[in-house]
Protein backbone atom coordinates (compact mmCIF):
# COMPACT_ATOMS: atom_id res chain seq x y z
CA MET A 1 101.47 59.91 75.03
CA ALA A 2 104.32 62.37 74.66
CA PHE A 3 104.24 65.96 75.73
CA ARG A 4 105.93 68.55 73.58
CA GLU A 5 106.99 72.05 74.57
CA ILE A 6 106.52 74.83 72.02
CA GLY A 7 108.05 78.27 72.33
CA PHE A 8 106.60 81.23 70.46
CA ARG A 9 106.61 85.03 70.36
CA LYS A 10 103.47 86.98 71.15
CA LYS A 11 102.50 90.06 69.15
CA ASP A 12 104.04 92.27 71.85
CA GLY A 13 107.39 90.42 71.47
CA ILE A 14 107.16 88.52 74.75
CA LYS A 15 108.15 84.86 74.57
CA GLY A 16 105.42 82.36 75.45
CA TRP A 17 105.47 78.62 76.12
CA LEU A 18 102.87 75.93 75.58
CA GLU A 19 102.89 72.23 76.34
CA THR A 20 100.93 70.03 73.96
CA MET A 21 99.85 66.42 73.92
CA VAL A 22 97.93 64.72 71.13
CA ARG A 23 96.53 61.21 71.35
CA LYS A 24 94.67 59.28 68.69
CA PHE A 25 91.93 56.83 69.57
CA ASP A 26 89.33 54.64 67.91
CA GLY A 27 91.82 53.35 65.38
CA GLY A 28 92.93 56.82 64.37
CA LYS A 29 89.39 58.13 63.74
CA GLY A 30 89.43 60.38 66.77
CA MET A 31 91.95 62.62 68.43
CA ILE A 32 92.31 64.31 71.81
CA ALA A 33 94.57 67.34 72.15
CA VAL A 34 95.65 68.96 75.41
CA ILE A 35 97.34 72.34 75.35
CA ARG A 36 98.41 74.22 78.45
CA ASP A 37 100.30 77.40 79.18
CA ILE A 38 103.61 76.59 80.91
CA MET A 39 105.04 80.12 81.00
CA LEU A 40 105.21 80.22 84.81
CA ARG A 41 107.02 76.88 84.90
CA LYS A 42 109.52 78.05 82.28
CA GLU A 43 110.18 81.27 84.23
CA ALA A 44 110.75 79.22 87.40
CA GLU A 45 113.13 76.90 85.52
CA GLU A 46 115.09 79.91 84.24
CA GLN A 47 115.33 81.40 87.75
CA LEU A 48 116.49 78.04 89.09
CA LYS A 49 119.13 77.77 86.36
CA LYS A 50 120.43 81.26 87.19
CA ALA A 51 120.53 80.42 90.90
CA ASN A 52 122.40 77.16 90.20
CA ASP A 53 124.90 78.98 87.97
CA LEU A 54 125.52 81.54 90.72
CA LEU A 55 125.91 78.79 93.31
CA GLN A 56 128.39 76.97 91.05
CA ARG A 57 130.45 80.17 90.70
CA MET A 58 130.32 80.72 94.46
CA LEU A 59 131.51 77.15 95.08
CA SER A 60 134.55 77.59 92.87
CA LEU A 61 135.72 81.02 94.08
CA ASP A 62 137.24 82.14 97.34
CA GLY A 63 134.79 84.50 99.05
CA LEU A 64 137.49 86.86 100.30
CA THR A 65 139.80 87.17 97.30
CA GLY A 66 137.51 86.20 94.42
CA THR A 67 140.18 83.86 93.03
CA ALA A 68 139.80 80.17 92.24
CA ASN A 69 139.68 78.02 95.37
CA ARG A 70 141.02 74.55 96.14
CA ARG A 71 137.96 72.84 94.67
CA SER A 72 138.58 74.60 91.34
CA LEU A 73 142.22 73.55 91.42
CA ASP A 74 141.31 69.92 92.13
CA GLU A 75 138.78 69.88 89.25
CA LEU A 76 141.27 71.48 86.86
CA LEU A 77 144.00 69.01 87.81
CA ALA A 78 141.61 66.07 87.34
CA ARG A 79 140.61 67.30 83.86
CA GLU A 80 144.22 67.91 82.85
CA TRP A 81 145.29 64.51 84.20
CA GLU A 82 142.61 62.76 82.13
CA SER A 83 143.61 64.78 79.08
CA ALA A 84 147.30 63.92 79.58
CA LYS A 85 146.51 60.20 79.91
CA GLN A 86 144.94 60.21 76.45
């Protein structure tokens, strides 16, 4: 049983989301399909992604000056060090 997410556009242009699941039974003679609207979940996921992106930016910038902070410098140095080793 695997669920599949399907995105689509409504007639008014708004994006919609459905989650579907299809399962065969009785040797393939029968089938059960479940379809549910997951628009609210998708909106919540998008809001969470935006909040996480903002938090990530806040973690890497100094609150007073808006420039990269020590954490950003450490991450950059680690990436460059790995790149230089190769």
